[in-house]
Amino acid sequence: MDLQMGGSHVKLQVEGDRRVFSEGSCLVCILLCLPCSIVDCFIVLKLVSTVGCCRSLFLLSLGQKELDRYLFHGLKPTLYKHWLGIYEKSGGAEFDSSKQRLFFSICNSYRDILHHNKKPFYLKGLEEDSSTMDAYIMHSLNHIFRTRDLVKKNEAKLAKLQENVKADVLNNEAFFDRGFTRPKVLILLPLASVAFRVVKRLIDLTPPKYKSNVEERERFYSEFGAGVSEDKEAEDVAEMSESKRNSKPSDFQTLFGGNNNDHFMIGIKFTRRSIRLYGDFYSSDMIVASPLGLVTKIGEAELYKDKNVDYMSSIEVLIVDHADVILMQNWSHVNTIVEQLNRIPSEQHGTDIMRIRQWYLDGQAPFYRQSIILSSHINPGPKSYSFFLSYADINGLFNHHCLNHEGKFLLSSSFPRFYPPVFGAFGHSLSI
């Protein structure tokens, strides 16, 4: 790297690529353009003396991990670069100030989130809906990959130790890196067509090094795509429903134009080089399901002793997208699912108990789970009824079941007032 200072510009030549910055350029802007491998203290000190940015001393105090987190907004560098590349190819500008990047920052705070003013794709809100979806998908990928990196790092450390030393080392909290089971992210969606859209985008946003092979892709496209009728009677019904659908409003056609199945559940596992769809739930990293599909599994576990839903015991990120559509289906299913989350499992399932985080063992996992609820509106709930009924809506779930110790975000929109406030218009009688 060659650093040249002259006139009113700072010229940086990095492996044949010449970049010019003004004398008052922020150090962060310069560092973002440099490969991390060449950003050492010597280079930074030269830039500080030349640029004089107010954040320079702060950046100098950061280690490599903290610096990467600051520059890549909390994302793993591989995820950040891939997401940035996709964003730029789509014609986007100013990624750092984009809606999806800003919403990702809110998700990355690991606080509970209720966003009840999201404009859905079926109400001409495709851009906003896609931005929000990209953000929570990247947050899920980032959480899964960082958790996996921590586990692999600790396993490598333990492999170097002798057997007689491991027992003492495992008492160190640094090696508490897992829950009871592997699944960490649960995404609840109302329809198979919506799940198809989310999982397809999930595959697109996964960097190439992690998806050299996507197992069971064709099966997924067949089951979650538009679907094919199996017999003549079903085809006749489909033709009749199609003629009825054409008479419906455009938002109805957009939402229900695909696979309307509301009973599904799929596990997704990330290996070193591939994505495995339809993986066993206990070996999956993420579960995408409809409320009805997951409640059915819970009912089977209560009915049959040889079945259980212990794979729900270690969910750390819960995402409920299109909650307004689920509200029109059966919202009580969502309450049942959330109440079932983070319970102590009935079996060990091959987990190394010595490496389970303490809050799981203490039954405090619900206070460490992040819940993200996305909807176009909320139902205020029946305030005049009993206290029990206050749990039956979106707002009630957020207030009573989302208990993250970090706190909560309530995202709402303010609209301009078209009419002036009316005072004294009510409460007066008119005598004739």
Protein backbone atom coordinates (compact mmCIF):
# COMPACT_ATOMS: atom_id res chain seq x y z
CA MET A 1 0.00 0.00 0.00
CA ASP A 2 1.29 3.45 -0.95
CA LEU A 3 0.11 6.55 0.91
CA GLN A 4 0.70 9.89 -0.85
CA MET A 5 -0.17 13.23 0.70
CA GLY A 6 -0.15 16.39 -1.32
CA GLY A 7 -2.21 19.51 -1.94
CA SER A 8 -5.78 19.26 -0.72
CA HIS A 9 -6.18 15.52 -1.28
CA VAL A 10 -5.09 12.28 0.29
CA LYS A 11 -4.21 9.73 -2.39
CA LEU A 12 -4.29 6.05 -1.57
CA GLN A 13 -3.01 3.42 -3.95
CA VAL A 14 -4.03 -0.11 -2.98
CA GLU A 15 -2.78 -2.91 -5.21
CA GLY A 16 -3.02 -0.78 -8.33
CA ASP A 17 -6.38 0.76 -7.43
CA ARG A 18 -6.07 4.52 -6.88
CA ARG A 19 -8.63 6.24 -4.70
CA VAL A 20 -8.82 9.93 -3.86
CA PHE A 21 -10.29 11.40 -0.67
CA SER A 22 -10.70 14.99 0.38
CA GLU A 23 -8.58 16.26 3.25
CA GLY A 24 -11.57 16.32 5.59
CA SER A 25 -12.78 12.83 4.75
CA CYS A 26 -14.00 10.69 7.60
CA LEU A 27 -11.65 7.90 8.53
CA VAL A 28 -14.53 5.42 8.42
CA CYS A 29 -15.16 6.26 4.76
CA ILE A 30 -11.51 5.57 3.99
CA LEU A 31 -11.36 2.32 5.94
CA LEU A 32 -14.49 0.99 4.25
CA CYS A 33 -12.65 1.15 0.94
CA LEU A 34 -9.62 -0.79 2.18
CA PRO A 35 -9.19 -4.54 2.58
CA CYS A 36 -9.13 -5.46 6.26
CA SER A 37 -5.81 -7.27 5.79
CA ILE A 38 -3.91 -4.00 5.25
CA VAL A 39 -5.58 -1.88 7.92
CA ASP A 40 -2.87 -2.02 10.56
CA CYS A 41 -1.94 0.48 13.24
CA PHE A 42 0.83 2.03 11.14
CA ILE A 43 -1.50 2.85 8.27
CA VAL A 44 -4.22 4.11 10.58
CA LEU A 45 -1.81 6.42 12.40
CA LYS A 46 -0.78 8.00 9.09
CA LEU A 47 -4.41 8.53 8.14
CA VAL A 48 -5.21 10.02 11.52
CA SER A 49 -2.40 12.55 11.26
CA THR A 50 -3.58 13.53 7.79
CA VAL A 51 -7.35 13.41 8.01
CA GLY A 52 -7.90 14.40 11.62
CA CYS A 53 -11.28 12.72 12.02
CA CYS A 54 -13.00 13.02 15.39
CA ARG A 55 -13.68 9.26 15.47
CA SER A 56 -10.09 8.27 14.83
CA LEU A 57 -9.09 7.75 18.45
CA PHE A 58 -12.20 5.64 18.99
CA LEU A 59 -11.36 3.38 16.06
CA LEU A 60 -7.75 3.08 17.18
CA SER A 61 -8.96 1.72 20.51
CA LEU A 62 -10.91 -1.10 18.85
CA GLY A 63 -9.60 -4.60 18.32
CA GLN A 64 -9.99 -6.40 15.00
CA LYS A 65 -13.34 -7.98 15.97
CA GLU A 66 -14.78 -4.69 17.22
CA LEU A 67 -13.49 -2.89 14.12
CA ASP A 68 -15.13 -5.43 11.82
CA ARG A 69 -18.38 -5.12 13.75
CA TYR A 70 -18.26 -1.33 13.46
CA LEU A 71 -17.47 -1.35 9.74
CA PHE A 72 -19.88 -4.15 8.77
CA HIS A 73 -22.80 -3.08 11.02
CA GLY A 74 -22.64 -6.23 13.14
CA LEU A 75 -22.73 -8.63 10.18
CA LYS A 76 -20.14 -11.23 9.38
CA PRO A 77 -17.92 -9.71 6.64
CA THR A 78 -18.89 -12.45 4.17
CA LEU A 79 -22.60 -11.79 4.70
CA TYR A 80 -22.15 -8.03 4.51
CA LYS A 81 -20.24 -8.09 1.23
CA HIS A 82 -22.70 -10.50 -0.38
CA TRP A 83 -25.71 -8.44 0.75
CA LEU A 84 -24.07 -5.24 -0.43
CA GLY A 85 -23.35 -6.80 -3.83
CA ILE A 86 -26.97 -7.91 -4.26
CA TYR A 87 -28.21 -4.47 -3.20
CA GLU A 88 -25.97 -2.68 -5.71
CA LYS A 89 -26.90 -5.06 -8.54
CA SER A 90 -30.58 -4.26 -7.93
CA GLY A 91 -29.83 -0.58 -8.56
CA GLY A 92 -29.88 0.55 -4.95
CA ALA A 93 -27.81 3.47 -3.71
CA GLU A 94 -26.55 4.52 -0.27
CA PHE A 95 -26.81 1.10 1.32
CA ASP A 96 -25.85 2.41 4.78
CA SER A 97 -28.94 4.63 4.87
CA SER A 98 -31.31 2.16 3.18
CA LYS A 99 -34.45 0.88 4.90
CA GLN A 100 -33.27 -2.71 5.01
CA ARG A 101 -29.92 -1.81 6.56
CA LEU A 102 -31.59 0.41 9.17
CA PHE A 103 -34.15 -2.26 10.08
CA PHE A 104 -31.34 -4.81 10.33
CA SER A 105 -29.65 -2.56 12.90
CA ILE A 106 -32.84 -2.62 14.97
CA CYS A 107 -33.01 -6.42 14.69
CA ASN A 108 -29.33 -6.71 15.60
CA SER A 109 -30.03 -4.99 18.93
CA TYR A 110 -31.69 -8.29 19.95
CA ARG A 111 -34.65 -6.47 21.48
CA ASP A 112 -38.26 -7.50 20.93
CA ILE A 113 -39.82 -5.69 17.97
CA LEU A 114 -43.42 -4.97 17.02
CA HIS A 115 -43.72 -3.30 13.61
CA HIS A 116 -47.45 -2.89 12.94
CA ASN A 117 -47.32 -0.39 10.06
CA LYS A 118 -45.44 -2.50 7.51
CA LYS A 119 -46.95 -2.15 4.06
CA PRO A 120 -47.30 -5.73 2.75
CA PHE A 121 -46.47 -6.89 -0.76
CA TYR A 122 -50.13 -7.57 -1.56
CA LEU A 123 -51.04 -3.92 -0.86
CA LYS A 124 -48.57 -2.43 -3.35
CA GLY A 125 -45.82 -2.43 -0.75
CA LEU A 126 -43.44 -4.85 -2.47
CA GLU A 127 -40.35 -2.67 -2.00
CA GLU A 128 -40.94 -2.00 1.71
CA ASP A 129 -41.99 -5.58 2.41
CA SER A 130 -38.95 -6.98 0.59
CA SER A 131 -36.60 -4.64 2.46
CA THR A 132 -37.98 -5.76 5.82
CA MET A 133 -37.84 -9.40 4.77
CA ASP A 134 -34.21 -9.07 3.63
CA ALA A 135 -33.30 -7.50 6.97
CA TYR A 136 -34.74 -10.24 9.18
CA ILE A 137 -33.36 -12.96 6.88
CA MET A 138 -29.86 -11.48 7.14
CA HIS A 139 -30.31 -11.16 10.90
CA SER A 140 -31.27 -14.85 11.07
CA LEU A 141 -28.32 -15.93 8.92
CA ASN A 142 -25.95 -13.78 10.94
CA HIS A 143 -27.20 -15.28 14.20
CA ILE A 144 -26.92 -18.85 12.91
CA PHE A 145 -23.43 -18.45 11.44
CA ARG A 146 -22.03 -16.59 14.45
CA THR A 147 -23.42 -19.25 16.79
CA ARG A 148 -21.86 -21.98 14.66
CA ASP A 149 -18.51 -20.17 14.54
CA LEU A 150 -18.46 -19.92 18.33
CA VAL A 151 -19.18 -23.64 18.72
CA LYS A 152 -16.45 -24.60 16.22
CA LYS A 153 -13.95 -22.29 17.87
CA ASN A 154 -14.59 -23.83 21.28
CA GLU A 155 -14.44 -27.35 19.87
CA ALA A 156 -11.05 -26.59 18.33
CA LYS A 157 -9.78 -25.34 21.70
CA LEU A 158 -11.06 -28.40 23.53
CA ALA A 159 -9.53 -30.74 20.96
CA LYS A 160 -6.07 -29.45 21.87
CA LEU A 161 -6.52 -30.13 25.57
CA GLN A 162 -5.88 -33.36 27.37
CA GLU A 163 -8.78 -35.31 28.82
CA ASN A 164 -7.82 -34.63 32.44
CA VAL A 165 -7.88 -30.88 31.83
CA LYS A 166 -11.17 -30.65 29.90
CA ALA A 167 -13.39 -31.01 32.97
CA ASP A 168 -11.84 -27.95 34.62
CA VAL A 169 -11.89 -25.91 31.40
CA LEU A 170 -15.57 -26.63 30.74
CA ASN A 171 -16.45 -24.81 33.96
CA ASN A 172 -15.39 -21.61 32.21
CA GLU A 173 -18.39 -19.61 30.94
CA ALA A 174 -16.59 -19.02 27.64
CA PHE A 175 -17.44 -22.60 26.67
CA PHE A 176 -21.17 -22.23 27.40
CA ASP A 177 -22.13 -21.91 23.74
CA ARG A 178 -25.36 -23.84 23.14
CA GLY A 179 -28.89 -24.61 24.20
CA PHE A 180 -30.70 -27.90 24.66
CA THR A 181 -31.23 -28.47 20.92
CA ARG A 182 -29.84 -27.07 17.66
CA PRO A 183 -32.71 -25.02 16.10
CA LYS A 184 -32.18 -21.34 16.87
CA VAL A 185 -34.59 -19.47 14.54
CA LEU A 186 -38.34 -20.01 14.10
CA ILE A 187 -40.23 -18.15 11.37
CA LEU A 188 -44.04 -18.30 11.40
CA LEU A 189 -45.81 -17.51 8.12
CA PRO A 190 -49.48 -17.78 7.13
CA LEU A 191 -49.33 -19.45 3.70
CA ALA A 192 -47.05 -21.78 1.75
CA SER A 193 -46.75 -19.17 -1.02
CA VAL A 194 -45.34 -16.68 1.50
CA ALA A 195 -42.98 -19.34 2.84
CA PHE A 196 -41.86 -20.05 -0.73
CA ARG A 197 -41.03 -16.38 -1.16
CA VAL A 198 -39.10 -16.19 2.13
CA VAL A 199 -37.08 -19.41 1.72
CA LYS A 200 -36.25 -18.60 -1.90
CA ARG A 201 -34.92 -15.22 -0.80
CA LEU A 202 -33.05 -16.90 2.05
CA ILE A 203 -31.19 -19.04 -0.49
CA ASP A 204 -30.40 -15.97 -2.61
CA LEU A 205 -29.01 -14.02 0.35
CA THR A 206 -26.78 -16.88 1.50
CA PRO A 207 -23.19 -16.32 0.25
CA PRO A 208 -22.02 -18.74 -2.48
CA LYS A 209 -19.44 -20.40 -0.22
CA TYR A 210 -22.27 -21.68 2.00
CA LYS A 211 -24.58 -22.92 -0.78
CA SER A 212 -22.53 -24.85 -3.32
CA ASN A 213 -25.39 -27.34 -3.11
CA VAL A 214 -29.04 -26.85 -2.10
CA GLU A 215 -30.50 -30.24 -1.23
CA GLU A 216 -34.17 -30.98 -1.95
CA ARG A 217 -34.62 -27.75 -3.92
CA GLU A 218 -36.86 -29.39 -6.54
CA ARG A 219 -39.05 -30.95 -3.88
CA PHE A 220 -39.42 -27.59 -2.18
CA TYR A 221 -40.38 -25.86 -5.44
CA SER A 222 -42.94 -28.58 -6.11
CA GLU A 223 -44.56 -28.54 -2.66
CA PHE A 224 -44.41 -24.82 -1.90
CA GLY A 225 -44.81 -23.47 -5.43
CA ALA A 226 -48.10 -23.05 -7.29
CA GLY A 227 -48.89 -26.75 -6.89
CA VAL A 228 -50.38 -29.30 -9.32
CA SER A 229 -53.86 -30.84 -9.12
CA GLU A 230 -53.86 -34.60 -8.58
CA ASP A 231 -57.16 -35.55 -10.22
CA LYS A 232 -59.86 -34.27 -12.54
CA GLU A 233 -62.21 -33.25 -9.75
CA ALA A 234 -59.50 -31.16 -8.15
CA GLU A 235 -58.81 -29.53 -11.53
CA ASP A 236 -62.50 -28.62 -11.94
CA VAL A 237 -62.55 -27.11 -8.47
CA ALA A 238 -59.38 -25.20 -9.31
CA GLU A 239 -60.97 -23.79 -12.49
CA MET A 240 -64.05 -22.67 -10.56
CA SER A 241 -61.93 -21.07 -7.86
CA GLU A 242 -59.85 -19.37 -10.55
CA SER A 243 -62.92 -17.77 -12.10
CA LYS A 244 -64.04 -16.60 -8.66
CA ARG A 245 -60.55 -15.33 -7.87
CA ASN A 246 -60.54 -13.14 -10.99
CA SER A 247 -63.56 -11.29 -9.62
CA LYS A 248 -61.73 -10.53 -6.38
CA PRO A 249 -59.73 -7.34 -5.66
CA SER A 250 -56.10 -7.15 -6.72
CA ASP A 251 -54.78 -7.52 -3.16
CA PHE A 252 -56.74 -10.76 -2.75
CA GLN A 253 -55.37 -12.11 -6.02
CA THR A 254 -51.81 -11.19 -5.04
CA LEU A 255 -52.01 -12.79 -1.60
CA PHE A 256 -53.95 -15.92 -2.55
CA GLY A 257 -52.72 -16.31 -6.11
CA GLY A 258 -50.13 -18.94 -5.17
CA ASN A 259 -50.12 -21.98 -2.92
CA ASN A 260 -52.75 -21.35 -0.24
CA ASN A 261 -51.75 -24.28 1.95
CA ASP A 262 -51.73 -23.16 5.59
CA HIS A 263 -50.48 -26.46 7.05
CA PHE A 264 -46.73 -26.79 6.50
CA MET A 265 -43.45 -27.08 8.36
CA ILE A 266 -39.89 -27.35 7.05
CA GLY A 267 -36.48 -27.56 8.70
CA ILE A 268 -33.43 -25.85 7.15
CA LYS A 269 -29.88 -26.89 7.99
CA PHE A 270 -26.70 -25.04 7.02
CA THR A 271 -23.61 -27.20 6.59
CA ARG A 272 -20.14 -25.99 5.68
CA ARG A 273 -20.85 -25.91 1.94
CA SER A 274 -24.55 -26.57 1.44
CA ILE A 275 -28.11 -25.85 2.48
CA ARG A 276 -30.27 -28.82 3.39
CA LEU A 277 -34.02 -28.36 3.07
CA TYR A 278 -36.40 -30.79 4.79
CA GLY A 279 -33.79 -31.62 7.39
CA ASP A 280 -34.66 -33.37 10.62
CA PHE A 281 -35.98 -30.74 13.03
CA TYR A 282 -33.45 -31.62 15.73
CA SER A 283 -30.53 -31.18 13.33
CA SER A 284 -31.88 -28.04 11.63
CA ASP A 285 -30.75 -24.48 12.33
CA MET A 286 -34.02 -22.85 11.27
CA ILE A 287 -37.65 -23.92 11.20
CA VAL A 288 -40.17 -22.28 8.85
CA ALA A 289 -43.76 -23.21 9.64
CA SER A 290 -47.35 -22.11 9.65
CA PRO A 291 -49.06 -21.77 13.04
CA LEU A 292 -51.46 -24.59 12.14
CA GLY A 293 -48.62 -26.89 11.07
CA LEU A 294 -46.66 -26.37 14.27
CA VAL A 295 -49.70 -26.59 16.54
CA THR A 296 -50.49 -29.95 14.93
CA LYS A 297 -47.04 -31.19 15.98
CA ILE A 298 -47.64 -29.91 19.50
CA GLY A 299 -50.97 -31.74 19.64
CA GLU A 300 -49.38 -34.98 18.45
CA ALA A 301 -46.70 -34.67 21.14
CA GLU A 302 -49.39 -34.30 23.81
CA LEU A 303 -51.34 -37.27 22.45
CA TYR A 304 -48.50 -39.73 21.82
CA LYS A 305 -45.79 -40.39 24.39
CA ASP A 306 -43.18 -41.32 21.79
CA LYS A 307 -43.36 -37.86 20.17
CA ASN A 308 -42.21 -34.48 21.46
CA VAL A 309 -41.45 -30.95 20.31
CA ASP A 310 -38.23 -30.47 22.24
CA TYR A 311 -36.73 -28.83 19.13
CA MET A 312 -38.62 -25.71 20.25
CA SER A 313 -36.72 -25.57 23.54
CA SER A 314 -33.78 -23.46 22.34
CA ILE A 315 -35.34 -20.98 19.90
CA GLU A 316 -33.45 -17.70 20.29
CA VAL A 317 -35.06 -15.66 17.47
CA LEU A 318 -38.81 -15.84 16.80
CA ILE A 319 -40.14 -14.06 13.70
CA VAL A 320 -43.87 -13.73 12.97
CA ASP A 321 -44.30 -12.15 9.54
CA HIS A 322 -47.66 -11.10 8.07
CA ALA A 323 -49.25 -11.35 11.48
CA ASP A 324 -52.31 -9.53 10.13
CA VAL A 325 -53.04 -12.50 7.84
CA ILE A 326 -52.46 -14.98 10.67
CA LEU A 327 -54.86 -12.90 12.79
CA MET A 328 -57.60 -13.69 10.25
CA GLN A 329 -56.77 -17.42 10.41
CA ASN A 330 -56.51 -18.38 14.08
CA TRP A 331 -54.36 -16.24 16.35
CA SER A 332 -54.75 -18.62 19.29
CA HIS A 333 -52.34 -20.98 17.50
CA VAL A 334 -49.59 -18.36 17.81
CA ASN A 335 -50.25 -18.01 21.54
CA THR A 336 -50.04 -21.80 21.94
CA ILE A 337 -46.71 -21.89 20.09
CA VAL A 338 -45.14 -19.04 22.05
CA GLU A 339 -46.19 -20.62 25.35
CA GLN A 340 -44.52 -23.86 24.23
CA LEU A 341 -41.20 -22.19 23.36
CA ASN A 342 -38.09 -22.45 25.56
CA ARG A 343 -39.38 -25.18 27.85
CA ILE A 344 -36.93 -27.60 29.40
CA PRO A 345 -36.96 -30.69 27.12
CA SER A 346 -38.08 -34.15 28.14
CA GLU A 347 -34.95 -35.83 26.73
CA GLN A 348 -31.26 -34.98 26.40
CA HIS A 349 -31.10 -35.45 22.60
CA GLY A 350 -27.33 -35.99 22.64
CA THR A 351 -26.51 -32.51 23.94
CA ASP A 352 -23.31 -31.89 25.90
CA ILE A 353 -24.83 -30.70 29.18
CA MET A 354 -21.52 -29.19 30.31
CA ARG A 355 -21.73 -26.61 27.49
CA ILE A 356 -25.36 -25.51 27.88
CA ARG A 357 -25.79 -21.84 28.76
CA GLN A 358 -26.80 -21.25 32.34
CA TRP A 359 -30.01 -19.39 31.57
CA TYR A 360 -31.38 -22.48 29.79
CA LEU A 361 -30.73 -24.64 32.83
CA ASP A 362 -32.34 -22.02 35.09
CA GLY A 363 -35.47 -21.84 32.94
CA GLN A 364 -34.78 -18.21 32.00
CA ALA A 365 -34.56 -18.74 28.22
CA PRO A 366 -37.78 -16.76 27.44
CA PHE A 367 -36.06 -13.64 28.76
CA TYR A 368 -33.21 -14.11 26.27
CA ARG A 369 -35.40 -14.88 23.24
CA GLN A 370 -35.91 -12.14 20.67
CA SER A 371 -39.41 -11.88 19.18
CA ILE A 372 -40.03 -9.92 15.96
CA ILE A 373 -43.69 -9.40 15.00
CA LEU A 374 -44.46 -7.78 11.64
CA SER A 375 -47.94 -6.71 10.59
CA SER A 376 -49.78 -4.12 8.54
CA HIS A 377 -52.04 -3.33 11.51
CA ILE A 378 -52.88 -4.53 15.00
CA ASN A 379 -56.12 -5.48 16.66
CA PRO A 380 -56.56 -3.46 19.88
CA GLY A 381 -58.32 -6.40 21.53
CA PRO A 382 -61.49 -6.65 23.62
CA LYS A 383 -60.74 -4.30 26.49
CA SER A 384 -64.16 -4.69 28.05
CA TYR A 385 -63.80 -8.44 28.57
CA SER A 386 -61.83 -10.43 31.09
CA PHE A 387 -58.08 -10.14 31.56
CA PHE A 388 -57.58 -13.51 29.89
CA LEU A 389 -58.95 -12.25 26.58
CA SER A 390 -56.29 -9.52 26.43
CA TYR A 391 -53.85 -12.23 25.29
CA ALA A 392 -55.88 -12.94 22.17
CA ASP A 393 -54.43 -10.30 19.83
CA ILE A 394 -51.09 -9.10 18.46
CA ASN A 395 -50.69 -6.35 21.01
CA GLY A 396 -51.50 -8.75 23.84
CA LEU A 397 -48.88 -11.22 22.66
CA PHE A 398 -46.26 -8.49 22.47
CA ASN A 399 -47.09 -7.13 25.93
CA HIS A 400 -47.49 -10.39 27.83
CA HIS A 401 -45.35 -13.01 26.06
CA CYS A 402 -42.41 -11.05 24.62
CA LEU A 403 -40.24 -10.65 27.72
CA ASN A 404 -36.76 -9.95 26.39
CA HIS A 405 -34.51 -8.57 29.13
CA GLU A 406 -32.93 -6.14 26.65
CA GLY A 407 -36.22 -4.30 26.15
CA LYS A 408 -38.66 -3.66 23.31
CA PHE A 409 -39.10 -1.61 20.15
CA LEU A 410 -42.57 -0.50 19.02
CA LEU A 411 -42.38 0.85 15.47
CA SER A 412 -45.27 3.01 14.32
CA SER A 413 -45.94 5.60 11.65
CA SER A 414 -47.29 9.12 12.08
CA PHE A 415 -49.67 10.46 9.47
CA PRO A 416 -50.41 14.11 8.63
CA ARG A 417 -53.69 15.50 9.92
CA PHE A 418 -56.08 16.54 7.16
CA TYR A 419 -58.76 18.07 9.35
CA PRO A 420 -58.33 20.51 12.23
CA PRO A 421 -59.27 19.22 15.71
CA VAL A 422 -62.91 19.72 16.65
CA PHE A 423 -63.55 21.06 20.15
CA GLY A 424 -66.92 21.12 21.85
CA ALA A 425 -68.64 19.11 19.15
CA PHE A 426 -69.88 16.44 21.54
CA GLY A 427 -71.52 16.43 24.94
CA HIS A 428 -73.98 19.28 24.26
CA SER A 429 -77.75 18.98 24.01
CA LEU A 430 -79.82 20.96 21.57
CA SER A 431 -83.19 22.27 22.77
CA ILE A 432 -85.86 23.30 20.31
